[in-house]
């Protein structure tokens, strides 16, 4: 009788713990509130006191930059698939794998340089106060999501992450 009671109590405790754990897991993160949900706001909504002219120029720069980045993203995706094929083949050729990796890093280097150039172009449109705000947010990782670790989306109204703000792709 006592063993059955202990088993029943143990089963109920486990079920209760599972329910509690699933509820805790379902809670939203600390940055989810409307005031602090940076991942759902574009840079144009976060930087204070942007003029319509600044906003229009930022959006124009963004479109131009995304057009520039598209071929780079396509090349990296093709190389990533090629690398996966080479890595999983029965007779893997390490020299060929390394060659693909070198090509990928060359393209990623070009992407990072284009991203830095674009960021400076956007930054040059801002006042000193807006630059300070952008730089302080960027340093904390809030404005651009969580940098390359998180998959944010785009700029100006659609949410963004640092890498994704410029590339419109999710990072792995």
N, C-alpha and C. Protein backbone atom coordinates (compact mmCIF):
# COMPACT_ATOMS: atom_id res chain seq x y z
N UNK A 1 0.82 -1.18 0.00
CA UNK A 1 0.00 0.00 0.00
C UNK A 1 0.87 1.26 0.00
N UNK A 2 1.91 1.26 0.86
CA UNK A 2 2.79 2.40 0.93
C UNK A 2 3.56 2.59 -0.38
N UNK A 3 4.00 1.52 -0.98
CA UNK A 3 4.76 1.60 -2.24
C UNK A 3 3.89 2.16 -3.35
N UNK A 4 2.65 1.75 -3.39
CA UNK A 4 1.75 2.25 -4.43
C UNK A 4 1.50 3.75 -4.23
N UNK A 5 1.37 4.16 -3.00
CA UNK A 5 1.16 5.58 -2.72
C UNK A 5 2.39 6.40 -3.13
N UNK A 6 3.58 5.87 -2.86
CA UNK A 6 4.83 6.55 -3.22
C UNK A 6 4.95 6.63 -4.75
N UNK A 7 4.60 5.54 -5.44
CA UNK A 7 4.65 5.53 -6.90
C UNK A 7 3.68 6.56 -7.48
N UNK A 8 2.48 6.61 -6.94
CA UNK A 8 1.48 7.57 -7.42
C UNK A 8 1.95 9.00 -7.16
N UNK A 9 2.46 9.24 -5.97
CA UNK A 9 2.96 10.57 -5.64
C UNK A 9 4.14 10.95 -6.53
N UNK A 10 5.03 10.01 -6.80
CA UNK A 10 6.17 10.27 -7.68
C UNK A 10 5.70 10.59 -9.09
N UNK A 11 4.74 9.84 -9.60
CA UNK A 11 4.22 10.08 -10.95
C UNK A 11 3.57 11.47 -11.03
N UNK A 12 2.79 11.83 -10.02
CA UNK A 12 2.17 13.15 -10.01
C UNK A 12 3.22 14.27 -9.94
N UNK A 13 4.26 14.06 -9.16
CA UNK A 13 5.33 15.04 -9.05
C UNK A 13 6.03 15.23 -10.40
N UNK A 14 6.29 14.13 -11.08
CA UNK A 14 6.95 14.20 -12.39
C UNK A 14 6.07 14.94 -13.39
N UNK A 15 4.78 14.63 -13.40
CA UNK A 15 3.86 15.32 -14.30
C UNK A 15 3.82 16.81 -13.98
N UNK A 16 3.76 17.16 -12.71
CA UNK A 16 3.74 18.55 -12.30
C UNK A 16 5.02 19.27 -12.72
N UNK A 17 6.16 18.63 -12.55
CA UNK A 17 7.43 19.22 -12.97
C UNK A 17 7.47 19.42 -14.49
N UNK A 18 6.95 18.45 -15.23
CA UNK A 18 6.93 18.57 -16.68
C UNK A 18 6.05 19.74 -17.12
N UNK A 19 4.90 19.90 -16.50
CA UNK A 19 4.00 21.00 -16.84
C UNK A 19 4.66 22.33 -16.50
N UNK A 20 5.28 22.41 -15.34
CA UNK A 20 5.96 23.64 -14.93
C UNK A 20 7.09 23.97 -15.89
N UNK A 21 7.88 22.97 -16.25
CA UNK A 21 9.00 23.18 -17.16
C UNK A 21 8.52 23.65 -18.53
N UNK A 22 7.44 23.07 -19.02
CA UNK A 22 6.94 23.49 -20.34
C UNK A 22 6.40 24.90 -20.29
N UNK A 23 5.77 25.29 -19.18
CA UNK A 23 5.29 26.67 -19.04
C UNK A 23 6.44 27.65 -18.97
N UNK A 24 7.48 27.31 -18.26
CA UNK A 24 8.65 28.18 -18.17
C UNK A 24 9.30 28.33 -19.53
N UNK A 25 9.38 27.25 -20.27
CA UNK A 25 9.99 27.28 -21.59
C UNK A 25 9.19 28.15 -22.54
N UNK A 26 7.90 28.22 -22.34
CA UNK A 26 7.04 28.98 -23.25
C UNK A 26 7.03 30.47 -22.95
N UNK A 27 7.64 30.89 -21.82
CA UNK A 27 7.64 32.31 -21.49
C UNK A 27 8.48 33.09 -22.49
N UNK A 28 8.08 34.30 -22.75
CA UNK A 28 8.80 35.15 -23.71
C UNK A 28 10.05 35.70 -23.06
N UNK A 29 11.02 36.02 -23.90
CA UNK A 29 12.29 36.54 -23.42
C UNK A 29 12.17 37.93 -22.83
N UNK A 30 13.23 38.39 -22.22
CA UNK A 30 13.19 39.68 -21.52
C UNK A 30 13.10 40.87 -22.47
N UNK A 31 13.44 40.70 -23.74
CA UNK A 31 13.38 41.81 -24.70
C UNK A 31 12.09 41.79 -25.50
N UNK A 32 11.10 41.03 -25.06
CA UNK A 32 9.90 40.90 -25.87
C UNK A 32 8.92 42.06 -25.71
N UNK A 33 8.97 42.78 -24.64
CA UNK A 33 7.97 43.83 -24.43
C UNK A 33 7.98 44.80 -25.60
N UNK A 34 6.86 45.43 -25.83
CA UNK A 34 6.74 46.33 -26.99
C UNK A 34 7.80 47.43 -26.96
N UNK A 35 8.12 47.93 -25.78
CA UNK A 35 9.09 49.01 -25.68
C UNK A 35 10.49 48.53 -26.02
N UNK A 36 10.79 47.27 -25.75
CA UNK A 36 12.17 46.80 -25.91
C UNK A 36 12.31 45.72 -26.96
N UNK A 37 11.31 45.51 -27.77
CA UNK A 37 11.37 44.46 -28.77
C UNK A 37 12.10 44.97 -30.01
N UNK A 38 13.43 45.04 -29.93
CA UNK A 38 14.23 45.60 -31.00
C UNK A 38 14.22 44.71 -32.24
N UNK A 39 14.01 43.42 -32.07
CA UNK A 39 14.06 42.54 -33.23
C UNK A 39 12.88 42.73 -34.17
N UNK A 40 11.81 43.35 -33.72
CA UNK A 40 10.67 43.58 -34.59
C UNK A 40 10.62 45.00 -35.12
N UNK A 41 11.60 45.81 -34.78
CA UNK A 41 11.63 47.18 -35.25
C UNK A 41 12.80 47.34 -36.20
N UNK A 42 12.61 48.18 -37.18
CA UNK A 42 13.70 48.49 -38.08
C UNK A 42 14.54 49.61 -37.52
N UNK A 43 15.68 49.80 -38.12
CA UNK A 43 16.60 50.84 -37.65
C UNK A 43 15.94 52.21 -37.75
N UNK A 44 15.08 52.38 -38.73
CA UNK A 44 14.41 53.66 -38.92
C UNK A 44 13.45 53.97 -37.76
N UNK A 45 12.97 52.96 -37.06
CA UNK A 45 12.07 53.16 -35.94
C UNK A 45 12.82 53.28 -34.62
N UNK A 46 14.06 52.84 -34.58
CA UNK A 46 14.81 52.83 -33.34
C UNK A 46 15.60 54.11 -33.14
N UNK A 47 16.24 54.60 -34.19
CA UNK A 47 17.04 55.81 -34.08
C UNK A 47 16.10 57.00 -33.87
N UNK A 48 16.32 57.78 -32.83
CA UNK A 48 15.40 58.89 -32.55
C UNK A 48 15.57 60.05 -33.53
N UNK A 49 14.48 60.73 -33.77
CA UNK A 49 14.47 61.98 -34.52
C UNK A 49 15.01 61.88 -35.94
N UNK A 50 14.77 60.78 -36.62
CA UNK A 50 15.17 60.69 -38.03
C UNK A 50 14.23 61.55 -38.86
N UNK A 51 14.80 62.30 -39.75
CA UNK A 51 13.96 63.08 -40.66
C UNK A 51 13.47 62.15 -41.77
N UNK A 52 12.47 62.61 -42.49
CA UNK A 52 11.98 61.80 -43.61
C UNK A 52 13.05 61.63 -44.66
N UNK A 53 13.85 62.66 -44.84
CA UNK A 53 14.95 62.59 -45.82
C UNK A 53 15.98 61.54 -45.41
N UNK A 54 16.36 61.54 -44.12
CA UNK A 54 17.31 60.55 -43.63
C UNK A 54 16.75 59.14 -43.81
N UNK A 55 15.49 58.97 -43.44
CA UNK A 55 14.86 57.66 -43.55
C UNK A 55 14.82 57.18 -44.99
N UNK A 56 14.49 58.07 -45.92
CA UNK A 56 14.43 57.71 -47.33
C UNK A 56 15.82 57.32 -47.85
N UNK A 57 16.84 58.07 -47.44
CA UNK A 57 18.20 57.76 -47.89
C UNK A 57 18.67 56.42 -47.30
N UNK A 58 18.35 56.17 -46.05
CA UNK A 58 18.74 54.91 -45.42
C UNK A 58 18.07 53.74 -46.15
N UNK A 59 16.80 53.88 -46.46
CA UNK A 59 16.10 52.82 -47.18
C UNK A 59 16.70 52.61 -48.57
N UNK A 60 17.05 53.70 -49.23
CA UNK A 60 17.67 53.60 -50.56
C UNK A 60 19.02 52.90 -50.47
N UNK A 61 19.83 53.28 -49.48
CA UNK A 61 21.12 52.61 -49.28
C UNK A 61 20.94 51.13 -48.99
N UNK A 62 19.92 50.81 -48.22
CA UNK A 62 19.64 49.42 -47.88
C UNK A 62 19.33 48.60 -49.12
N UNK A 63 18.49 49.14 -49.99
CA UNK A 63 18.12 48.41 -51.21
C UNK A 63 19.34 48.19 -52.09
N UNK A 64 20.14 49.24 -52.26
CA UNK A 64 21.36 49.11 -53.06
C UNK A 64 22.30 48.07 -52.47
N UNK A 65 22.42 48.11 -51.15
CA UNK A 65 23.32 47.15 -50.50
C UNK A 65 22.82 45.71 -50.64
N UNK A 66 21.53 45.52 -50.49
CA UNK A 66 20.98 44.17 -50.63
C UNK A 66 21.19 43.63 -52.05
N UNK A 67 21.07 44.51 -53.04
CA UNK A 67 21.34 44.10 -54.42
C UNK A 67 22.80 43.69 -54.59
N UNK A 68 23.69 44.42 -53.93
CA UNK A 68 25.12 44.10 -53.99
C UNK A 68 25.42 42.77 -53.29
N UNK A 69 24.71 42.49 -52.21
CA UNK A 69 24.99 41.30 -51.42
C UNK A 69 24.40 40.02 -52.00
N UNK A 70 23.37 40.14 -52.80
CA UNK A 70 22.66 38.96 -53.33
C UNK A 70 23.60 37.98 -54.03
N UNK A 71 24.46 38.42 -54.97
CA UNK A 71 25.36 37.47 -55.62
C UNK A 71 26.33 36.81 -54.63
N UNK A 72 26.79 37.58 -53.64
CA UNK A 72 27.67 37.00 -52.63
C UNK A 72 26.97 35.89 -51.86
N UNK A 73 25.73 36.14 -51.44
CA UNK A 73 24.97 35.13 -50.70
C UNK A 73 24.77 33.88 -51.55
N UNK A 74 24.44 34.09 -52.81
CA UNK A 74 24.23 32.94 -53.69
C UNK A 74 25.50 32.11 -53.84
N UNK A 75 26.64 32.79 -54.01
CA UNK A 75 27.91 32.09 -54.14
C UNK A 75 28.25 31.31 -52.87
N UNK A 76 28.05 31.94 -51.73
CA UNK A 76 28.35 31.25 -50.46
C UNK A 76 27.45 30.03 -50.29
N UNK A 77 26.18 30.16 -50.63
CA UNK A 77 25.26 29.02 -50.52
C UNK A 77 25.66 27.89 -51.44
N UNK A 78 26.08 28.22 -52.66
CA UNK A 78 26.54 27.18 -53.59
C UNK A 78 27.79 26.50 -53.05
N UNK A 79 28.72 27.29 -52.54
CA UNK A 79 29.96 26.72 -51.98
C UNK A 79 29.67 25.89 -50.74
N UNK A 80 28.73 26.33 -49.93
CA UNK A 80 28.36 25.56 -48.74
C UNK A 80 27.82 24.18 -49.14
N UNK A 81 26.99 24.16 -50.17
CA UNK A 81 26.44 22.89 -50.65
C UNK A 81 27.56 22.02 -51.23
N UNK A 82 28.47 22.65 -51.98
CA UNK A 82 29.60 21.90 -52.56
C UNK A 82 30.47 21.32 -51.44
N UNK A 83 30.73 22.10 -50.43
CA UNK A 83 31.54 21.63 -49.30
C UNK A 83 30.86 20.45 -48.61
N UNK A 84 29.55 20.55 -48.41
CA UNK A 84 28.81 19.46 -47.78
C UNK A 84 28.92 18.19 -48.61
N UNK A 85 28.80 18.32 -49.93
CA UNK A 85 28.93 17.17 -50.82
C UNK A 85 30.32 16.55 -50.70
N UNK A 86 31.34 17.39 -50.71
CA UNK A 86 32.72 16.89 -50.61
C UNK A 86 32.99 16.25 -49.26
N UNK A 87 32.46 16.85 -48.22
CA UNK A 87 32.72 16.34 -46.86
C UNK A 87 32.07 14.98 -46.62
N UNK A 88 30.95 14.73 -47.28
CA UNK A 88 30.23 13.49 -47.03
C UNK A 88 30.51 12.41 -48.06
N UNK A 89 31.40 12.69 -49.00
CA UNK A 89 31.71 11.66 -49.99
C UNK A 89 32.61 10.59 -49.37
N UNK A 90 32.60 9.42 -49.96
CA UNK A 90 33.40 8.30 -49.43
C UNK A 90 34.89 8.57 -49.55
N UNK A 91 35.30 9.15 -50.65
CA UNK A 91 36.72 9.46 -50.87
C UNK A 91 36.91 10.97 -50.84
N UNK A 92 36.86 11.54 -49.66
CA UNK A 92 36.95 12.99 -49.51
C UNK A 92 38.33 13.49 -49.90
N UNK A 93 38.37 14.51 -50.74
CA UNK A 93 39.61 15.12 -51.17
C UNK A 93 39.82 16.38 -50.32
N UNK A 94 40.75 16.31 -49.39
CA UNK A 94 40.97 17.41 -48.45
C UNK A 94 41.43 18.68 -49.15
N UNK A 95 42.22 18.54 -50.20
CA UNK A 95 42.68 19.73 -50.93
C UNK A 95 41.50 20.47 -51.56
N UNK A 96 40.57 19.73 -52.12
CA UNK A 96 39.40 20.34 -52.74
C UNK A 96 38.49 20.98 -51.69
N UNK A 97 38.34 20.30 -50.56
CA UNK A 97 37.54 20.85 -49.46
C UNK A 97 38.15 22.16 -48.98
N UNK A 98 39.47 22.18 -48.79
CA UNK A 98 40.16 23.39 -48.35
C UNK A 98 40.03 24.51 -49.39
N UNK A 99 40.06 24.14 -50.66
CA UNK A 99 39.89 25.13 -51.72
C UNK A 99 38.51 25.78 -51.65
N UNK A 100 37.48 24.97 -51.41
CA UNK A 100 36.12 25.50 -51.28
C UNK A 100 36.02 26.40 -50.05
N UNK A 101 36.64 25.99 -48.96
CA UNK A 101 36.63 26.80 -47.73
C UNK A 101 37.32 28.14 -47.98
N UNK A 102 38.45 28.12 -48.70
CA UNK A 102 39.14 29.37 -49.02
C UNK A 102 38.27 30.29 -49.86
N UNK A 103 37.56 29.74 -50.82
CA UNK A 103 36.66 30.55 -51.65
C UNK A 103 35.55 31.15 -50.80
N UNK A 104 35.02 30.35 -49.88
CA UNK A 104 33.96 30.84 -48.99
C UNK A 104 34.45 32.00 -48.14
N UNK A 105 35.64 31.85 -47.56
CA UNK A 105 36.16 32.92 -46.70
C UNK A 105 36.49 34.18 -47.50
N UNK A 106 36.92 34.02 -48.75
CA UNK A 106 37.16 35.19 -49.59
C UNK A 106 35.86 35.97 -49.82
N UNK A 107 34.80 35.25 -50.13
CA UNK A 107 33.51 35.89 -50.37
C UNK A 107 32.99 36.51 -49.09
N UNK A 108 33.11 35.80 -47.97
CA UNK A 108 32.65 36.34 -46.70
C UNK A 108 33.43 37.59 -46.32
N UNK A 109 34.70 37.64 -46.66
CA UNK A 109 35.51 38.82 -46.41
C UNK A 109 34.99 40.00 -47.24
N UNK A 110 34.66 39.75 -48.49
CA UNK A 110 34.09 40.80 -49.34
C UNK A 110 32.75 41.28 -48.79
N UNK A 111 31.96 40.34 -48.29
CA UNK A 111 30.67 40.70 -47.71
C UNK A 111 30.85 41.58 -46.47
N UNK A 112 31.79 41.22 -45.62
CA UNK A 112 32.03 41.99 -44.41
C UNK A 112 32.52 43.40 -44.74
N UNK A 113 33.37 43.50 -45.76
CA UNK A 113 33.87 44.82 -46.17
C UNK A 113 32.73 45.67 -46.74
N UNK A 114 31.87 45.06 -47.54
CA UNK A 114 30.73 45.77 -48.10
C UNK A 114 29.77 46.19 -46.98
N UNK A 115 29.61 45.34 -45.99
CA UNK A 115 28.76 45.64 -44.85
C UNK A 115 29.32 46.82 -44.06
N UNK A 116 30.62 46.82 -43.83
CA UNK A 116 31.25 47.92 -43.10
C UNK A 116 31.10 49.23 -43.87
N UNK A 117 31.29 49.17 -45.18
CA UNK A 117 31.13 50.36 -46.02
C UNK A 117 29.70 50.89 -45.94
N UNK A 118 28.75 49.97 -46.05
CA UNK A 118 27.35 50.36 -45.99
C UNK A 118 27.00 50.97 -44.63
N UNK A 119 27.49 50.37 -43.58
CA UNK A 119 27.22 50.89 -42.24
C UNK A 119 27.74 52.32 -42.11
N UNK A 120 28.94 52.56 -42.63
CA UNK A 120 29.50 53.91 -42.55
C UNK A 120 28.70 54.90 -43.39
N UNK A 121 28.19 54.44 -44.54
CA UNK A 121 27.35 55.31 -45.36
C UNK A 121 26.08 55.70 -44.61
N UNK A 122 25.47 54.73 -43.94
CA UNK A 122 24.27 55.01 -43.14
C UNK A 122 24.63 55.94 -41.99
N UNK A 123 25.72 55.65 -41.33
CA UNK A 123 26.15 56.44 -40.18
C UNK A 123 26.44 57.88 -40.57
N UNK A 124 26.97 58.10 -41.78
CA UNK A 124 27.28 59.45 -42.25
C UNK A 124 26.02 60.29 -42.46
N UNK A 125 24.87 59.66 -42.56
CA UNK A 125 23.62 60.40 -42.73
C UNK A 125 23.07 60.92 -41.41
N UNK A 126 23.62 60.45 -40.30
CA UNK A 126 23.06 60.73 -38.98
C UNK A 126 23.73 61.93 -38.32
N UNK A 127 23.00 62.54 -37.39
CA UNK A 127 23.57 63.60 -36.58
C UNK A 127 24.46 62.96 -35.51
N UNK A 128 25.23 63.78 -34.80
CA UNK A 128 26.11 63.25 -33.76
C UNK A 128 25.33 62.51 -32.69
N UNK A 129 24.18 63.04 -32.30
CA UNK A 129 23.35 62.40 -31.27
C UNK A 129 22.82 61.05 -31.78
N UNK A 130 22.38 61.01 -33.02
CA UNK A 130 21.87 59.76 -33.59
C UNK A 130 22.99 58.73 -33.72
N UNK A 131 24.19 59.19 -34.08
CA UNK A 131 25.35 58.28 -34.17
C UNK A 131 25.64 57.66 -32.81
N UNK A 132 25.61 58.52 -31.77
CA UNK A 132 25.86 58.00 -30.42
C UNK A 132 24.83 56.95 -30.04
N UNK A 133 23.58 57.23 -30.36
CA UNK A 133 22.52 56.28 -30.04
C UNK A 133 22.73 54.98 -30.81
N UNK A 134 23.00 55.07 -32.10
CA UNK A 134 23.22 53.88 -32.92
C UNK A 134 24.42 53.09 -32.42
N UNK A 135 25.51 53.78 -32.14
CA UNK A 135 26.73 53.10 -31.69
C UNK A 135 26.53 52.45 -30.32
N UNK A 136 25.82 53.10 -29.42
CA UNK A 136 25.61 52.52 -28.10
C UNK A 136 24.72 51.30 -28.20
N UNK A 137 23.71 51.34 -29.06
CA UNK A 137 22.84 50.19 -29.24
C UNK A 137 23.58 49.06 -29.91
N UNK A 138 24.38 49.38 -30.89
CA UNK A 138 25.14 48.37 -31.62
C UNK A 138 26.11 47.64 -30.69
N UNK A 139 26.75 48.40 -29.81
CA UNK A 139 27.72 47.80 -28.90
C UNK A 139 27.05 46.79 -27.98
N UNK A 140 25.82 47.09 -27.58
CA UNK A 140 25.12 46.18 -26.68
C UNK A 140 24.46 45.05 -27.45
N UNK A 141 24.41 45.14 -28.76
CA UNK A 141 23.77 44.09 -29.55
C UNK A 141 22.27 44.25 -29.63
N UNK A 142 21.71 45.35 -29.11
CA UNK A 142 20.27 45.49 -29.10
C UNK A 142 19.72 45.94 -30.43
N UNK A 143 20.34 46.94 -31.03
CA UNK A 143 19.79 47.50 -32.25
C UNK A 143 19.80 46.50 -33.38
N UNK A 144 20.87 45.79 -33.50
CA UNK A 144 20.96 44.84 -34.60
C UNK A 144 20.69 43.42 -34.13
N UNK A 145 19.81 43.25 -33.21
CA UNK A 145 19.51 41.91 -32.72
C UNK A 145 20.68 41.41 -31.90
N UNK A 146 21.05 40.19 -32.07
CA UNK A 146 22.15 39.61 -31.32
C UNK A 146 23.36 39.39 -32.21
N UNK A 147 23.61 40.30 -33.11
CA UNK A 147 24.75 40.14 -33.98
C UNK A 147 24.55 38.95 -34.89
N UNK A 148 25.63 38.24 -35.18
CA UNK A 148 25.54 37.11 -36.09
C UNK A 148 24.97 35.87 -35.41
N UNK A 149 24.86 35.90 -34.09
CA UNK A 149 24.37 34.72 -33.40
C UNK A 149 22.90 34.49 -33.65
N UNK A 150 22.14 35.55 -33.74
CA UNK A 150 20.70 35.40 -33.91
C UNK A 150 20.29 35.70 -35.33
N UNK A 151 19.20 35.14 -35.73
CA UNK A 151 18.71 35.40 -37.07
C UNK A 151 17.64 36.48 -37.01
N UNK A 152 18.06 37.68 -37.17
CA UNK A 152 17.12 38.78 -37.27
C UNK A 152 16.67 38.86 -38.71
N UNK A 153 16.11 39.94 -39.12
CA UNK A 153 15.69 40.00 -40.51
C UNK A 153 16.26 41.22 -41.21
N UNK A 154 15.44 42.17 -41.53
CA UNK A 154 15.85 43.26 -42.39
C UNK A 154 15.84 44.58 -41.65
N UNK A 155 16.12 45.61 -42.37
CA UNK A 155 16.18 46.94 -41.80
C UNK A 155 14.91 47.72 -42.16
N UNK A 156 14.64 48.76 -41.43
CA UNK A 156 13.55 49.70 -41.71
C UNK A 156 12.18 49.04 -41.73
N UNK A 157 11.74 48.59 -40.57
CA UNK A 157 10.36 48.18 -40.43
C UNK A 157 10.12 46.70 -40.43
N UNK A 158 11.14 45.88 -40.63
CA UNK A 158 10.88 44.46 -40.67
C UNK A 158 11.74 43.68 -39.68
N UNK A 159 12.38 44.35 -38.75
CA UNK A 159 13.24 43.67 -37.80
C UNK A 159 14.54 43.31 -38.47
N UNK A 160 15.59 43.06 -37.68
CA UNK A 160 16.88 42.78 -38.28
C UNK A 160 17.85 42.29 -37.25
N UNK A 161 18.88 41.56 -37.70
CA UNK A 161 20.03 41.20 -36.91
C UNK A 161 21.22 41.82 -37.61
N UNK A 162 22.36 41.92 -36.96
CA UNK A 162 23.47 42.64 -37.56
C UNK A 162 23.83 42.08 -38.92
N UNK A 163 24.08 40.80 -39.00
CA UNK A 163 24.45 40.18 -40.27
C UNK A 163 23.27 40.24 -41.22
N UNK A 164 22.11 39.95 -40.70
CA UNK A 164 20.93 39.86 -41.55
C UNK A 164 20.43 41.22 -41.99
N UNK A 165 20.73 42.24 -41.21
CA UNK A 165 20.37 43.61 -41.58
C UNK A 165 20.97 43.93 -42.94
N UNK A 166 22.14 43.42 -43.19
CA UNK A 166 22.81 43.72 -44.44
C UNK A 166 22.60 42.66 -45.50
N UNK A 167 22.34 41.44 -45.10
CA UNK A 167 22.31 40.37 -46.09
C UNK A 167 20.93 39.80 -46.37
N UNK A 168 19.97 40.11 -45.51
CA UNK A 168 18.59 39.62 -45.68
C UNK A 168 18.51 38.11 -45.62
N UNK A 169 19.47 37.46 -45.00
CA UNK A 169 19.48 36.02 -44.85
C UNK A 169 19.59 35.67 -43.38
N UNK A 170 19.17 34.49 -43.03
CA UNK A 170 19.38 34.04 -41.66
C UNK A 170 20.73 33.37 -41.58
N UNK A 171 21.42 33.57 -40.48
CA UNK A 171 22.71 32.93 -40.32
C UNK A 171 22.53 31.61 -39.61
N UNK A 172 23.44 30.69 -39.87
CA UNK A 172 23.34 29.35 -39.27
C UNK A 172 24.19 29.25 -38.05
